[in-house]
Amino acid sequence: MSVHHQPKGSMCMSCSNGSAACGQRDFGSMPVIQVYSDCVKAVKCSGHRASAPARRCISCDAAAPAQLEEGQGLPCGH
């Protein structure tokens, strides 16, 4: 039975590098996080770069722009 290594899926979903950056990575050399019943080993990707969290209004959780001008309020009115 062959062993297959792959990055933990939740890391891929939150990575700012995108999947194109993963093609040449040696997942077999990375630390194993979990082993599944089909012998697939989920690894902690050494190339993972977390995306910046989305900015949100703390009052209503509406999306907030990355930059606000001096004196400018949020689009939601808070």
Protein backbone atom coordinates (compact mmCIF):
# COMPACT_ATOMS: atom_id res chain seq x y z
CA MET A 1 0.00 0.00 0.00
CA SER A 2 1.50 3.34 -1.01
CA VAL A 3 1.59 6.32 1.32
CA HIS A 4 0.48 9.68 -0.03
CA HIS A 5 1.31 13.01 1.64
CA GLN A 6 -0.82 16.10 1.11
CA PRO A 7 -1.12 19.46 2.86
CA LYS A 8 -3.90 19.83 5.43
CA GLY A 9 -6.88 21.19 3.46
CA SER A 10 -7.72 23.99 5.89
CA MET A 11 -4.20 25.35 5.43
CA CYS A 12 -4.67 25.47 1.66
CA MET A 13 -7.97 27.31 2.02
CA SER A 14 -6.37 30.05 4.11
CA CYS A 15 -3.08 30.34 2.19
CA SER A 16 -2.22 33.57 0.40
CA ASN A 17 0.26 31.81 -1.92
CA GLY A 18 -2.40 30.05 -3.97
CA SER A 19 -2.26 26.48 -5.22
CA ALA A 20 0.13 27.26 -8.10
CA ALA A 21 2.94 27.69 -5.54
CA CYS A 22 2.49 24.12 -4.27
CA GLY A 23 3.45 22.13 -7.37
CA GLN A 24 7.12 21.71 -6.47
CA ARG A 25 6.77 21.27 -2.69
CA ASP A 26 8.07 18.04 -1.09
CA PHE A 27 5.12 17.21 1.17
CA GLY A 28 6.77 13.93 2.21
CA SER A 29 9.40 15.87 4.17
CA MET A 30 6.89 17.97 6.13
CA PRO A 31 5.55 17.19 9.64
CA VAL A 32 2.52 14.87 9.64
CA ILE A 33 -0.59 16.30 11.33
CA GLN A 34 -3.06 13.49 10.71
CA VAL A 35 -3.17 10.02 9.11
CA TYR A 36 -6.43 9.03 7.42
CA SER A 37 -7.86 5.52 7.10
CA ASP A 38 -6.76 5.32 3.44
CA CYS A 39 -3.12 5.92 4.53
CA VAL A 40 -3.07 9.50 3.26
CA LYS A 41 -0.97 11.65 5.58
CA ALA A 42 -2.00 15.28 6.03
CA VAL A 43 1.05 17.47 6.62
CA LYS A 44 1.78 20.95 7.94
CA CYS A 45 2.91 22.81 4.83
CA SER A 46 6.16 24.71 5.31
CA GLY A 47 5.13 27.15 2.55
CA HIS A 48 1.84 28.17 4.16
CA ARG A 49 1.28 31.92 4.36
CA ALA A 50 -1.91 32.99 6.12
CA SER A 51 -4.10 35.48 4.31
CA ALA A 52 -4.82 38.73 6.09
CA PRO A 53 -8.16 38.50 7.86
CA ALA A 54 -10.99 40.51 6.36
CA ARG A 55 -11.66 43.79 8.15
CA ARG A 56 -15.13 43.85 9.72
CA CYS A 57 -17.25 46.34 11.69
CA ILE A 58 -17.22 45.31 15.36
CA SER A 59 -20.83 46.52 15.79
CA CYS A 60 -22.60 44.74 12.93
CA ASP A 61 -19.90 42.54 11.28
CA ALA A 62 -20.28 44.32 7.91
CA ALA A 63 -17.27 44.31 5.60
CA ALA A 64 -15.02 47.33 6.12
CA PRO A 65 -12.70 48.90 3.52
CA ALA A 66 -8.96 48.36 3.89
CA GLN A 67 -8.35 52.14 4.21
CA LEU A 68 -10.50 54.94 5.56
CA GLU A 69 -9.79 58.61 4.99
CA GLU A 70 -9.55 60.97 7.95
CA GLY A 71 -13.05 61.41 9.39
CA GLN A 72 -14.63 58.86 7.05
CA GLY A 73 -17.06 56.42 8.66
CA LEU A 74 -17.77 52.84 7.72
CA PRO A 75 -20.22 52.20 4.86
CA CYS A 76 -22.59 50.54 7.36
CA GLY A 77 -22.88 53.84 9.27
CA HIS A 78 -20.90 52.89 12.39
